[in-house]
PDB file of N, CA and C in Angstrom:
ATOM      1  N   UNK A   1       0.911   7.552  16.237  1.00  0.00           N
ATOM      2  CA  UNK A   1       0.364   6.465  15.995  1.00  0.00           C
ATOM      3  C   UNK A   1      -0.736   6.523  14.587  1.00  0.00           C
ATOM      4  N   UNK A   2      -0.471   5.249  14.045  1.00  0.00           N
ATOM      5  CA  UNK A   2      -0.889   5.025  12.633  1.00  0.00           C
ATOM      6  C   UNK A   2      -2.159   4.172  12.999  1.00  0.00           C
ATOM      7  N   UNK A   3      -2.990   4.687  12.352  1.00  0.00           N
ATOM      8  CA  UNK A   3      -4.724   3.967  12.572  1.00  0.00           C
ATOM      9  C   UNK A   3      -4.907   3.585  11.147  1.00  0.00           C
ATOM     10  N   UNK A   4      -5.405   2.432  10.889  1.00  0.00           N
ATOM     11  CA  UNK A   4      -5.720   1.636   9.812  1.00  0.00           C
ATOM     12  C   UNK A   4      -7.133   1.122   9.946  1.00  0.00           C
ATOM     13  N   UNK A   5      -7.849   1.428   8.940  1.00  0.00           N
ATOM     14  CA  UNK A   5      -9.279   1.114   8.667  1.00  0.00           C
ATOM     15  C   UNK A   5      -9.282   0.205   7.356  1.00  0.00           C
ATOM     16  N   UNK A   6     -10.094  -0.818   7.810  1.00  0.00           N
ATOM     17  CA  UNK A   6     -10.216  -2.065   6.546  1.00  0.00           C
ATOM     18  C   UNK A   6     -11.665  -2.126   6.060  1.00  0.00           C
ATOM     19  N   UNK A   7     -12.140  -2.256   5.055  1.00  0.00           N
ATOM     20  CA  UNK A   7     -13.379  -2.413   4.376  1.00  0.00           C
ATOM     21  C   UNK A   7     -13.108  -3.352   3.230  1.00  0.00           C
ATOM     22  N   UNK A   8     -13.700  -4.573   3.620  1.00  0.00           N
ATOM     23  CA  UNK A   8     -13.498  -5.654   2.524  1.00  0.00           C
ATOM     24  C   UNK A   8     -14.759  -5.942   1.918  1.00  0.00           C
ATOM     25  N   UNK A   9     -14.655  -5.977   0.302  1.00  0.00           N
ATOM     26  CA  UNK A   9     -15.774  -6.354  -0.553  1.00  0.00           C
ATOM     27  C   UNK A   9     -15.442  -7.381  -1.362  1.00  0.00           C
ATOM     28  N   UNK A  10     -15.727  -8.558  -1.289  1.00  0.00           N
ATOM     29  CA  UNK A  10     -15.858  -9.525  -2.260  1.00  0.00           C
ATOM     30  C   UNK A  10     -14.237  -9.844  -2.417  1.00  0.00           C
ATOM     31  N   UNK A  11     -13.583  -9.429  -3.810  1.00  0.00           N
ATOM     32  CA  UNK A  11     -12.628  -9.693  -4.096  1.00  0.00           C
ATOM     33  C   UNK A  11     -11.713  -8.239  -4.235  1.00  0.00           C
ATOM     34  N   UNK A  12     -12.179  -7.247  -3.388  1.00  0.00           N
ATOM     35  CA  UNK A  12     -11.393  -6.103  -3.197  1.00  0.00           C
ATOM     36  C   UNK A  12     -11.176  -5.816  -1.474  1.00  0.00           C
ATOM     37  N   UNK A  13     -10.280  -5.328  -1.168  1.00  0.00           N
ATOM     38  CA  UNK A  13     -10.002  -4.635   0.078  1.00  0.00           C
ATOM     39  C   UNK A  13      -9.585  -3.177   0.310  1.00  0.00           C
ATOM     40  N   UNK A  14     -10.073  -2.532   0.803  1.00  0.00           N
ATOM     41  CA  UNK A  14      -9.551  -1.091   0.897  1.00  0.00           C
ATOM     42  C   UNK A  14      -9.111  -0.600   2.492  1.00  0.00           C
ATOM     43  N   UNK A  15      -7.681  -0.090   2.539  1.00  0.00           N
ATOM     44  CA  UNK A  15      -7.083   0.134   3.647  1.00  0.00           C
ATOM     45  C   UNK A  15      -7.216   1.491   3.678  1.00  0.00           C
ATOM     46  N   UNK A  16      -7.514   2.155   5.000  1.00  0.00           N
ATOM     47  CA  UNK A  16      -7.411   3.592   4.856  1.00  0.00           C
ATOM     48  C   UNK A  16      -6.441   4.002   5.920  1.00  0.00           C
ATOM     49  N   UNK A  17      -5.350   4.603   5.640  1.00  0.00           N
ATOM     50  CA  UNK A  17      -4.614   4.801   6.696  1.00  0.00           C
ATOM     51  C   UNK A  17      -4.518   6.171   7.157  1.00  0.00           C
ATOM     52  N   UNK A  18      -4.147   6.343   8.521  1.00  0.00           N
ATOM     53  CA  UNK A  18      -4.091   7.753   9.307  1.00  0.00           C
ATOM     54  C   UNK A  18      -3.072   7.900  10.066  1.00  0.00           C
ATOM     55  N   UNK A  19      -2.109   8.901   9.817  1.00  0.00           N
ATOM     56  CA  UNK A  19      -0.980   9.002  10.817  1.00  0.00           C
ATOM     57  C   UNK A  19       0.104   8.727  10.082  1.00  0.00           C
ATOM     58  N   UNK A  20       1.115   8.905  10.625  1.00  0.00           N
ATOM     59  CA  UNK A  20       2.646   8.727  10.315  1.00  0.00           C
ATOM     60  C   UNK A  20       2.917   7.417   9.624  1.00  0.00           C
ATOM     61  N   UNK A  21       3.369   7.308   8.366  1.00  0.00           N
ATOM     62  CA  UNK A  21       3.729   6.017   7.926  1.00  0.00           C
ATOM     63  C   UNK A  21       5.419   5.848   8.192  1.00  0.00           C
ATOM     64  N   UNK A  22       5.611   5.909   9.414  1.00  0.00           N
ATOM     65  CA  UNK A  22       7.197   5.833   9.778  1.00  0.00           C
ATOM     66  C   UNK A  22       7.454   5.270  11.054  1.00  0.00           C
ATOM     67  N   UNK A  23       8.872   5.107  11.422  1.00  0.00           N
ATOM     68  CA  UNK A  23       9.225   4.765  12.813  1.00  0.00           C
ATOM     69  C   UNK A  23       8.580   3.452  13.460  1.00  0.00           C
ATOM     70  N   UNK A  24       8.224   3.392  14.573  1.00  0.00           N
ATOM     71  CA  UNK A  24       7.812   2.259  15.257  1.00  0.00           C
ATOM     72  C   UNK A  24       6.514   1.785  14.635  1.00  0.00           C
ATOM     73  N   UNK A  25       5.630   2.752  14.215  1.00  0.00           N
ATOM     74  CA  UNK A  25       4.414   2.298  13.387  1.00  0.00           C
ATOM     75  C   UNK A  25       4.409   1.729  12.540  1.00  0.00           C
ATOM     76  N   UNK A  26       5.458   1.775  11.620  1.00  0.00           N
ATOM     77  CA  UNK A  26       5.944   0.727  10.381  1.00  0.00           C
ATOM     78  C   UNK A  26       6.034  -0.623  11.011  1.00  0.00           C
ATOM     79  N   UNK A  27       6.651  -0.781  11.704  1.00  0.00           N
ATOM     80  CA  UNK A  27       6.972  -2.310  12.323  1.00  0.00           C
ATOM     81  C   UNK A  27       5.840  -2.895  12.993  1.00  0.00           C
ATOM     82  N   UNK A  28       4.919  -2.290  13.463  1.00  0.00           N
ATOM     83  CA  UNK A  28       3.571  -2.711  14.092  1.00  0.00           C
ATOM     84  C   UNK A  28       2.634  -2.954  12.971  1.00  0.00           C
ATOM     85  N   UNK A  29       2.701  -1.968  11.862  1.00  0.00           N
ATOM     86  CA  UNK A  29       2.013  -2.180  10.785  1.00  0.00           C
ATOM     87  C   UNK A  29       2.255  -3.446   9.960  1.00  0.00           C
ATOM     88  N   UNK A  30       3.668  -3.718   9.710  1.00  0.00           N
ATOM     89  CA  UNK A  30       4.139  -4.782   8.997  1.00  0.00           C
ATOM     90  C   UNK A  30       3.473  -6.275   9.704  1.00  0.00           C
ATOM     91  N   UNK A  31       3.799  -6.068  10.905  1.00  0.00           N
ATOM     92  CA  UNK A  31       3.027  -7.241  11.635  1.00  0.00           C
ATOM     93  C   UNK A  31       1.888  -7.828  11.504  1.00  0.00           C
ATOM     94  N   UNK A  32       1.062  -6.714  11.541  1.00  0.00           N
ATOM     95  CA  UNK A  32      -0.472  -6.802  11.646  1.00  0.00           C
ATOM     96  C   UNK A  32      -0.715  -7.092  10.121  1.00  0.00           C
ATOM     97  N   UNK A  33      -0.563  -6.099   9.405  1.00  0.00           N
ATOM     98  CA  UNK A  33      -1.226  -6.040   7.781  1.00  0.00           C
ATOM     99  C   UNK A  33      -0.323  -6.936   6.834  1.00  0.00           C
ATOM    100  N   UNK A  34       0.841  -7.677   6.949  1.00  0.00           N
ATOM    101  CA  UNK A  34       1.302  -8.425   6.278  1.00  0.00           C
ATOM    102  C   UNK A  34       0.537  -9.779   6.517  1.00  0.00           C
ATOM    103  N   UNK A  35      -0.049 -10.404   7.577  1.00  0.00           N
ATOM    104  CA  UNK A  35      -0.579 -11.449   7.885  1.00  0.00           C
ATOM    105  C   UNK A  35      -2.108 -11.177   7.359  1.00  0.00           C
ATOM    106  N   UNK A  36      -2.625 -10.230   7.349  1.00  0.00           N
ATOM    107  CA  UNK A  36      -4.040  -9.915   7.171  1.00  0.00           C
ATOM    108  C   UNK A  36      -4.112  -9.868   5.690  1.00  0.00           C
ATOM    109  N   UNK A  37      -3.098  -9.118   4.950  1.00  0.00           N
ATOM    110  CA  UNK A  37      -3.455  -9.074   3.334  1.00  0.00           C
ATOM    111  C   UNK A  37      -3.026 -10.367   2.919  1.00  0.00           C
ATOM    112  N   UNK A  38      -2.038 -11.297   3.452  1.00  0.00           N
ATOM    113  CA  UNK A  38      -1.917 -12.392   2.834  1.00  0.00           C
ATOM    114  C   UNK A  38      -3.120 -13.170   2.885  1.00  0.00           C
ATOM    115  N   UNK A  39      -3.743 -13.287   3.916  1.00  0.00           N
ATOM    116  CA  UNK A  39      -5.040 -13.814   4.487  1.00  0.00           C
ATOM    117  C   UNK A  39      -6.048 -13.590   3.251  1.00  0.00           C
ATOM    118  N   UNK A  40      -6.185 -12.350   3.346  1.00  0.00           N
ATOM    119  CA  UNK A  40      -7.218 -12.015   2.173  1.00  0.00           C
ATOM    120  C   UNK A  40      -6.825 -12.443   0.803  1.00  0.00           C
ATOM    121  N   UNK A  41      -5.437 -12.412   0.428  1.00  0.00           N
ATOM    122  CA  UNK A  41      -5.236 -12.612  -0.969  1.00  0.00           C
ATOM    123  C   UNK A  41      -5.407 -14.222  -1.241  1.00  0.00           C
ATOM    124  N   UNK A  42      -5.065 -15.073   0.001  1.00  0.00           N
ATOM    125  CA  UNK A  42      -5.544 -16.489  -0.257  1.00  0.00           C
ATOM    126  C   UNK A  42      -6.915 -16.734  -0.302  1.00  0.00           C
ATOM    127  N   UNK A  43      -7.746 -15.638   0.221  1.00  0.00           N
ATOM    128  CA  UNK A  43      -8.849 -16.113   0.148  1.00  0.00           C
ATOM    129  C   UNK A  43      -9.914 -15.494  -1.104  1.00  0.00           C
ATOM    130  N   UNK A  44      -9.169 -14.979  -1.787  1.00  0.00           N
ATOM    131  CA  UNK A  44      -9.636 -14.657  -3.401  1.00  0.00           C
ATOM    132  C   UNK A  44      -9.527 -13.036  -3.430  1.00  0.00           C
ATOM    133  N   UNK A  45      -9.034 -12.314  -2.678  1.00  0.00           N
ATOM    134  CA  UNK A  45      -9.208 -10.851  -3.105  1.00  0.00           C
ATOM    135  C   UNK A  45      -8.151 -10.467  -4.114  1.00  0.00           C
ATOM    136  N   UNK A  46      -8.300  -9.707  -4.934  1.00  0.00           N
ATOM    137  CA  UNK A  46      -7.274  -9.385  -5.855  1.00  0.00           C
ATOM    138  C   UNK A  46      -7.019  -8.402  -6.254  1.00  0.00           C
ATOM    139  N   UNK A  47      -7.595  -7.317  -5.500  1.00  0.00           N
ATOM    140  CA  UNK A  47      -7.632  -5.565  -5.781  1.00  0.00           C
ATOM    141  C   UNK A  47      -7.662  -5.355  -4.176  1.00  0.00           C
ATOM    142  N   UNK A  48      -6.076  -4.417  -4.070  1.00  0.00           N
ATOM    143  CA  UNK A  48      -6.006  -3.997  -2.616  1.00  0.00           C
ATOM    144  C   UNK A  48      -5.784  -2.681  -2.777  1.00  0.00           C
ATOM    145  N   UNK A  49      -6.269  -1.819  -2.294  1.00  0.00           N
ATOM    146  CA  UNK A  49      -6.653  -0.195  -2.372  1.00  0.00           C
ATOM    147  C   UNK A  49      -6.201   0.324  -0.903  1.00  0.00           C
ATOM    148  N   UNK A  50      -5.155   1.375  -1.380  1.00  0.00           N
ATOM    149  CA  UNK A  50      -4.544   2.096  -0.170  1.00  0.00           C
ATOM    150  C   UNK A  50      -4.930   3.496  -0.117  1.00  0.00           C
ATOM    151  N   UNK A  51      -5.726   3.896   0.529  1.00  0.00           N
ATOM    152  CA  UNK A  51      -5.951   5.373   0.430  1.00  0.00           C
ATOM    153  C   UNK A  51      -5.108   6.159   1.846  1.00  0.00           C
ATOM    154  N   UNK A  52      -4.251   6.879   0.946  1.00  0.00           N
ATOM    155  CA  UNK A  52      -3.204   7.278   1.776  1.00  0.00           C
ATOM    156  C   UNK A  52      -3.446   8.765   2.315  1.00  0.00           C
ATOM    157  N   UNK A  53      -4.719   9.188   1.916  1.00  0.00           N
ATOM    158  CA  UNK A  53      -5.020  10.825   2.415  1.00  0.00           C
ATOM    159  C   UNK A  53      -4.762  11.022   3.616  1.00  0.00           C
ATOM    160  N   UNK A  54      -4.844  10.238   4.676  1.00  0.00           N
ATOM    161  CA  UNK A  54      -4.496  10.672   5.901  1.00  0.00           C
ATOM    162  C   UNK A  54      -3.199  10.497   6.357  1.00  0.00           C
ATOM    163  N   UNK A  55      -2.145   9.987   5.515  1.00  0.00           N
ATOM    164  CA  UNK A  55      -0.882   9.893   6.023  1.00  0.00           C
ATOM    165  C   UNK A  55      -0.032  11.307   5.775  1.00  0.00           C
ATOM    166  N   UNK A  56       0.280  11.438   7.251  1.00  0.00           N
ATOM    167  CA  UNK A  56       0.775  12.730   7.186  1.00  0.00           C
ATOM    168  C   UNK A  56       2.600  12.599   6.943  1.00  0.00           C
ATOM    169  N   UNK A  57       3.072  11.601   6.895  1.00  0.00           N
ATOM    170  CA  UNK A  57       4.671  11.530   6.674  1.00  0.00           C
ATOM    171  C   UNK A  57       4.650   9.985   6.409  1.00  0.00           C
ATOM    172  N   UNK A  58       6.133   9.952   5.688  1.00  0.00           N
ATOM    173  CA  UNK A  58       6.524   8.570   5.374  1.00  0.00           C
ATOM    174  C   UNK A  58       8.036   8.544   5.412  1.00  0.00           C
ATOM    175  N   UNK A  59       8.608   7.614   6.141  1.00  0.00           N
ATOM    176  CA  UNK A  59      10.013   7.589   6.002  1.00  0.00           C
ATOM    177  C   UNK A  59      10.759   6.281   5.235  1.00  0.00           C
ATOM    178  N   UNK A  60      11.605   6.203   5.450  1.00  0.00           N
ATOM    179  CA  UNK A  60      12.365   4.774   4.355  1.00  0.00           C
ATOM    180  C   UNK A  60      11.488   3.662   4.675  1.00  0.00           C
ATOM    181  N   UNK A  61      11.439   3.323   6.080  1.00  0.00           N
ATOM    182  CA  UNK A  61      10.636   1.940   6.240  1.00  0.00           C
ATOM    183  C   UNK A  61       9.315   1.874   5.895  1.00  0.00           C
ATOM    184  N   UNK A  62       8.545   3.078   5.959  1.00  0.00           N
ATOM    185  CA  UNK A  62       7.296   3.217   5.445  1.00  0.00           C
ATOM    186  C   UNK A  62       7.277   3.004   4.150  1.00  0.00           C
ATOM    187  N   UNK A  63       8.544   3.635   3.080  1.00  0.00           N
ATOM    188  CA  UNK A  63       8.397   3.410   1.541  1.00  0.00           C
ATOM    189  C   UNK A  63       8.468   2.063   1.187  1.00  0.00           C
ATOM    190  N   UNK A  64       9.798   1.321   2.009  1.00  0.00           N
ATOM    191  CA  UNK A  64       9.859  -0.220   2.043  1.00  0.00           C
ATOM    192  C   UNK A  64       8.553  -1.095   1.982  1.00  0.00           C
ATOM    193  N   UNK A  65       7.872  -0.706   3.248  1.00  0.00           N
ATOM    194  CA  UNK A  65       6.940  -1.616   3.409  1.00  0.00           C
ATOM    195  C   UNK A  65       5.493  -1.318   2.260  1.00  0.00           C
ATOM    196  N   UNK A  66       5.719  -0.362   1.768  1.00  0.00           N
ATOM    197  CA  UNK A  66       4.764   0.039   0.630  1.00  0.00           C
ATOM    198  C   UNK A  66       5.290  -1.147  -0.697  1.00  0.00           C
ATOM    199  N   UNK A  67       6.507  -0.892  -0.769  1.00  0.00           N
ATOM    200  CA  UNK A  67       6.859  -1.910  -1.905  1.00  0.00           C
ATOM    201  C   UNK A  67       6.773  -3.364  -1.539  1.00  0.00           C
ATOM    202  N   UNK A  68       6.863  -3.693  -0.150  1.00  0.00           N
ATOM    203  CA  UNK A  68       6.614  -5.061   0.093  1.00  0.00           C
ATOM    204  C   UNK A  68       5.129  -5.512  -0.134  1.00  0.00           C
ATOM    205  N   UNK A  69       4.396  -4.438   0.096  1.00  0.00           N
ATOM    206  CA  UNK A  69       2.822  -4.667  -0.238  1.00  0.00           C
ATOM    207  C   UNK A  69       2.608  -4.895  -1.745  1.00  0.00           C
ATOM    208  N   UNK A  70       3.324  -3.951  -2.171  1.00  0.00           N
ATOM    209  CA  UNK A  70       3.364  -4.101  -3.889  1.00  0.00           C
ATOM    210  C   UNK A  70       3.355  -5.495  -4.263  1.00  0.00           C
ATOM    211  N   UNK A  71       4.812  -6.138  -3.963  1.00  0.00           N
ATOM    212  CA  UNK A  71       5.371  -7.181  -4.324  1.00  0.00           C
ATOM    213  C   UNK A  71       4.362  -8.516  -3.814  1.00  0.00           C
ATOM    214  N   UNK A  72       3.865  -8.323  -2.652  1.00  0.00           N
ATOM    215  CA  UNK A  72       3.291  -9.516  -1.922  1.00  0.00           C
ATOM    216  C   UNK A  72       1.917  -9.604  -2.820  1.00  0.00           C
ATOM    217  N   UNK A  73       1.229  -8.325  -3.435  1.00  0.00           N
ATOM    218  CA  UNK A  73       0.069  -8.332  -3.809  1.00  0.00           C
ATOM    219  C   UNK A  73       0.160  -8.764  -5.601  1.00  0.00           C
ATOM    220  N   UNK A  74       1.454  -8.263  -6.041  1.00  0.00           N
ATOM    221  CA  UNK A  74       1.651  -8.659  -7.403  1.00  0.00           C
ATOM    222  C   UNK A  74       1.840 -10.168  -7.559  1.00  0.00           C
ATOM    223  N   UNK A  75       2.615 -10.737  -6.440  1.00  0.00           N
ATOM    224  CA  UNK A  75       2.908 -12.280  -6.299  1.00  0.00           C
ATOM    225  C   UNK A  75       1.685 -13.108  -6.320  1.00  0.00           C
ATOM    226  N   UNK A  76       0.496 -12.568  -6.178  1.00  0.00           N
ATOM    227  CA  UNK A  76      -0.647 -13.466  -5.998  1.00  0.00           C
ATOM    228  C   UNK A  76      -1.578 -12.924  -6.886  1.00  0.00           C
ATOM    229  N   UNK A  77      -1.100 -11.989  -7.875  1.00  0.00           N
ATOM    230  CA  UNK A  77      -1.703 -11.878  -8.923  1.00  0.00           C
ATOM    231  C   UNK A  77      -2.807 -11.144  -9.243  1.00  0.00           C
ATOM    232  N   UNK A  78      -2.569 -10.154  -8.164  1.00  0.00           N
ATOM    233  CA  UNK A  78      -3.587  -8.933  -7.826  1.00  0.00           C
ATOM    234  C   UNK A  78      -2.972  -7.736  -8.090  1.00  0.00           C
ATOM    235  N   UNK A  79      -3.666  -6.462  -7.958  1.00  0.00           N
ATOM    236  CA  UNK A  79      -3.588  -5.096  -8.097  1.00  0.00           C
ATOM    237  C   UNK A  79      -3.677  -4.395  -7.070  1.00  0.00           C
ATOM    238  N   UNK A  80      -2.583  -3.625  -6.901  1.00  0.00           N
ATOM    239  CA  UNK A  80      -2.409  -2.742  -5.796  1.00  0.00           C
ATOM    240  C   UNK A  80      -2.718  -1.220  -6.248  1.00  0.00           C
ATOM    241  N   UNK A  81      -3.701  -0.549  -5.825  1.00  0.00           N
ATOM    242  CA  UNK A  81      -3.989   0.744  -6.052  1.00  0.00           C
ATOM    243  C   UNK A  81      -3.699   1.787  -4.972  1.00  0.00           C
ATOM    244  N   UNK A  82      -2.899   2.735  -5.140  1.00  0.00           N
ATOM    245  CA  UNK A  82      -2.462   3.645  -4.120  1.00  0.00           C
ATOM    246  C   UNK A  82      -3.232   5.082  -4.530  1.00  0.00           C
ATOM    247  N   UNK A  83      -4.004   5.444  -3.838  1.00  0.00           N
ATOM    248  CA  UNK A  83      -4.896   6.472  -3.858  1.00  0.00           C
ATOM    249  C   UNK A  83      -4.683   7.629  -3.004  1.00  0.00           C
ATOM    250  N   UNK A  84      -5.101   8.983  -3.268  1.00  0.00           N
ATOM    251  CA  UNK A  84      -4.925  10.032  -2.551  1.00  0.00           C
ATOM    252  C   UNK A  84      -3.726  10.349  -1.823  1.00  0.00           C
ATOM    253  N   UNK A  85      -2.614  10.570  -2.411  1.00  0.00           N
ATOM    254  CA  UNK A  85      -1.365  10.600  -1.636  1.00  0.00           C
ATOM    255  C   UNK A  85      -1.371  12.205  -1.492  1.00  0.00           C
ATOM    256  N   UNK A  86      -0.851  12.557  -0.309  1.00  0.00           N
ATOM    257  CA  UNK A  86      -0.624  14.111   0.026  1.00  0.00           C
ATOM    258  C   UNK A  86       0.583  14.473  -0.658  1.00  0.00           C
ATOM    259  N   UNK A  87       0.828  15.771  -0.884  1.00  0.00           N
ATOM    260  CA  UNK A  87       1.882  16.173  -1.572  1.00  0.00           C
ATOM    261  C   UNK A  87       3.292  15.837  -0.875  1.00  0.00           C
ATOM    262  N   UNK A  88       3.373  15.936   0.572  1.00  0.00           N
ATOM    263  CA  UNK A  88       4.320  15.450   1.081  1.00  0.00           C
ATOM    264  C   UNK A  88       4.662  13.669   0.759  1.00  0.00           C
ATOM    265  N   UNK A  89       3.858  13.120   0.754  1.00  0.00           N
ATOM    266  CA  UNK A  89       4.114  11.708   0.541  1.00  0.00           C
ATOM    267  C   UNK A  89       4.695  11.390  -0.689  1.00  0.00           C
ATOM    268  N   UNK A  90       3.555  12.069  -1.776  1.00  0.00           N
ATOM    269  CA  UNK A  90       4.212  12.084  -3.068  1.00  0.00           C
ATOM    270  C   UNK A  90       5.716  12.371  -3.229  1.00  0.00           C
ATOM    271  N   UNK A  91       6.090  13.484  -2.680  1.00  0.00           N
ATOM    272  CA  UNK A  91       7.348  14.001  -2.910  1.00  0.00           C
ATOM    273  C   UNK A  91       8.314  12.920  -2.124  1.00  0.00           C
ATOM    274  N   UNK A  92       8.135  12.232  -0.716  1.00  0.00           N
ATOM    275  CA  UNK A  92       9.110  11.145  -0.428  1.00  0.00           C
ATOM    276  C   UNK A  92       9.109  10.048  -1.592  1.00  0.00           C
ATOM    277  N   UNK A  93       7.851   9.697  -1.984  1.00  0.00           N
ATOM    278  CA  UNK A  93       7.835   8.629  -2.741  1.00  0.00           C
ATOM    279  C   UNK A  93       8.754   8.612  -4.312  1.00  0.00           C
ATOM    280  N   UNK A  94       8.757  10.060  -4.544  1.00  0.00           N
ATOM    281  CA  UNK A  94       9.308  10.666  -5.900  1.00  0.00           C
ATOM    282  C   UNK A  94      10.821  10.446  -5.556  1.00  0.00           C
ATOM    283  N   UNK A  95      11.404  11.005  -4.444  1.00  0.00           N
ATOM    284  CA  UNK A  95      12.709  11.046  -3.824  1.00  0.00           C
ATOM    285  C   UNK A  95      13.307   9.728  -3.593  1.00  0.00           C
ATOM    286  N   UNK A  96      12.242   8.960  -3.250  1.00  0.00           N
ATOM    287  CA  UNK A  96      12.844   7.315  -3.436  1.00  0.00           C
ATOM    288  C   UNK A  96      12.851   6.675  -4.247  1.00  0.00           C
ATOM    289  N   UNK A  97      12.528   7.125  -5.390  1.00  0.00           N
ATOM    290  CA  UNK A  97      12.609   6.447  -6.848  1.00  0.00           C
ATOM    291  C   UNK A  97      11.563   5.623  -7.135  1.00  0.00           C
ATOM    292  N   UNK A  98      10.559   5.618  -6.285  1.00  0.00           N
ATOM    293  CA  UNK A  98       9.382   4.479  -6.620  1.00  0.00           C
ATOM    294  C   UNK A  98       8.226   5.174  -6.780  1.00  0.00           C
ATOM    295  N   UNK A  99       8.010   6.411  -6.745  1.00  0.00           N
ATOM    296  CA  UNK A  99       6.313   6.814  -7.014  1.00  0.00           C
ATOM    297  C   UNK A  99       6.141   6.492  -8.355  1.00  0.00           C
ATOM    298  N   UNK A 100       6.629   6.267  -9.445  1.00  0.00           N
ATOM    299  CA  UNK A 100       6.389   5.631 -10.427  1.00  0.00           C
ATOM    300  C   UNK A 100       5.912   4.124 -10.335  1.00  0.00           C
ATOM    301  N   UNK A 101       6.435   3.540  -9.473  1.00  0.00           N
ATOM    302  CA  UNK A 101       6.234   2.162  -9.668  1.00  0.00           C
ATOM    303  C   UNK A 101       4.711   1.727  -8.612  1.00  0.00           C
ATOM    304  N   UNK A 102       4.681   2.840  -7.755  1.00  0.00           N
ATOM    305  CA  UNK A 102       3.533   2.560  -6.725  1.00  0.00           C
ATOM    306  C   UNK A 102       2.080   3.287  -7.518  1.00  0.00           C
ATOM    307  N   UNK A 103       2.621   4.174  -8.297  1.00  0.00           N
ATOM    308  CA  UNK A 103       1.305   5.068  -8.703  1.00  0.00           C
ATOM    309  C   UNK A 103       1.022   5.099 -10.616  1.00  0.00           C
ATOM    310  N   UNK A 104       1.747   4.407 -11.028  1.00  0.00           N
ATOM    311  CA  UNK A 104       2.008   4.524 -12.576  1.00  0.00           C
ATOM    312  C   UNK A 104       0.433   3.578 -12.877  1.00  0.00           C
ATOM    313  N   UNK A 105      -0.099   3.833 -13.923  1.00  0.00           N
ATOM    314  CA  UNK A 105      -1.626   3.771 -14.135  1.00  0.00           C
ATOM    315  C   UNK A 105      -1.306   2.249 -15.004  1.00  0.00           C
ATOM    316  N   UNK A 106      -0.186   1.738 -15.368  1.00  0.00           N
ATOM    317  CA  UNK A 106      -0.208   0.834 -15.961  1.00  0.00           C
ATOM    318  C   UNK A 106       1.025  -0.194 -16.127  1.00  0.00           C
ATOM    319  N   UNK A 107       1.747  -0.271 -14.591  1.00  0.00           N
ATOM    320  CA  UNK A 107       3.066  -0.777 -14.353  1.00  0.00           C
ATOM    321  C   UNK A 107       2.620  -2.216 -14.314  1.00  0.00           C
ATOM    322  N   UNK A 108       3.545  -3.143 -14.871  1.00  0.00           N
ATOM    323  CA  UNK A 108       3.302  -4.346 -14.957  1.00  0.00           C
ATOM    324  C   UNK A 108       4.579  -5.193 -14.150  1.00  0.00           C
ATOM    325  N   UNK A 109       3.898  -5.938 -13.113  1.00  0.00           N
ATOM    326  CA  UNK A 109       4.836  -6.631 -12.292  1.00  0.00           C
ATOM    327  C   UNK A 109       4.660  -7.636 -11.956  1.00  0.00           C
ATOM    328  N   UNK A 110       4.922  -8.729 -12.431  1.00  0.00           N
ATOM    329  CA  UNK A 110       4.710 -10.130 -11.904  1.00  0.00           C
ATOM    330  C   UNK A 110       3.107 -10.581 -12.117  1.00  0.00           C
ATOM    331  N   UNK A 111       2.632  -9.776 -13.168  1.00  0.00           N
ATOM    332  CA  UNK A 111       1.370 -10.317 -13.526  1.00  0.00           C
ATOM    333  C   UNK A 111       0.279  -9.213 -12.767  1.00  0.00           C
ATOM    334  N   UNK A 112       0.650  -8.347 -12.146  1.00  0.00           N
ATOM    335  CA  UNK A 112      -0.034  -7.226 -11.184  1.00  0.00           C
ATOM    336  C   UNK A 112       0.317  -6.164 -12.019  1.00  0.00           C
ATOM    337  N   UNK A 113      -0.605  -5.134 -11.708  1.00  0.00           N
ATOM    338  CA  UNK A 113      -0.738  -3.596 -11.762  1.00  0.00           C
ATOM    339  C   UNK A 113      -0.727  -3.023 -10.533  1.00  0.00           C
ATOM    340  N   UNK A 114      -0.204  -1.582 -10.590  1.00  0.00           N
ATOM    341  CA  UNK A 114      -0.370  -0.887  -9.526  1.00  0.00           C
ATOM    342  C   UNK A 114      -0.935   0.521 -10.438  1.00  0.00           C
ATOM    343  N   UNK A 115      -2.248   1.234  -9.551  1.00  0.00           N
ATOM    344  CA  UNK A 115      -2.536   2.159 -10.189  1.00  0.00           C
ATOM    345  C   UNK A 115      -2.890   3.487  -9.089  1.00  0.00           C
ATOM    346  N   UNK A 116      -2.989   4.544  -9.571  1.00  0.00           N
ATOM    347  CA  UNK A 116      -3.289   5.765  -8.299  1.00  0.00           C
ATOM    348  C   UNK A 116      -4.279   6.654  -9.141  1.00  0.00           C
ATOM    349  N   UNK A 117      -4.898   7.074  -8.118  1.00  0.00           N
ATOM    350  CA  UNK A 117      -6.117   8.026  -8.207  1.00  0.00           C
ATOM    351  C   UNK A 117      -6.032   9.416  -7.548  1.00  0.00           C
TER     352      UNK A 117
END
């Protein structure tokens, strides 16, 4: 089961994910957080931070959802910051070929940047 904690501060929102970003959890996550992130972006949030330190595993569906979120934030002119990846999650994103997109310090995509700490 994936647990998401959200902290919203003016133009920033922080998502703390805990559990596997895989399987059925991803479809539930997509249903809930796409609407939430879209609403936040429409209300003026321009920086979305994902703390993945609690993510124990990620599969192809999880990678796809991270890419979808990146594109959604970028289309709104925002910045996605992916933080605190475990070695396992970092490895999966690397093998999937998206580690650089999601974690590079200055990746430009439709007016947005992705950063990693």
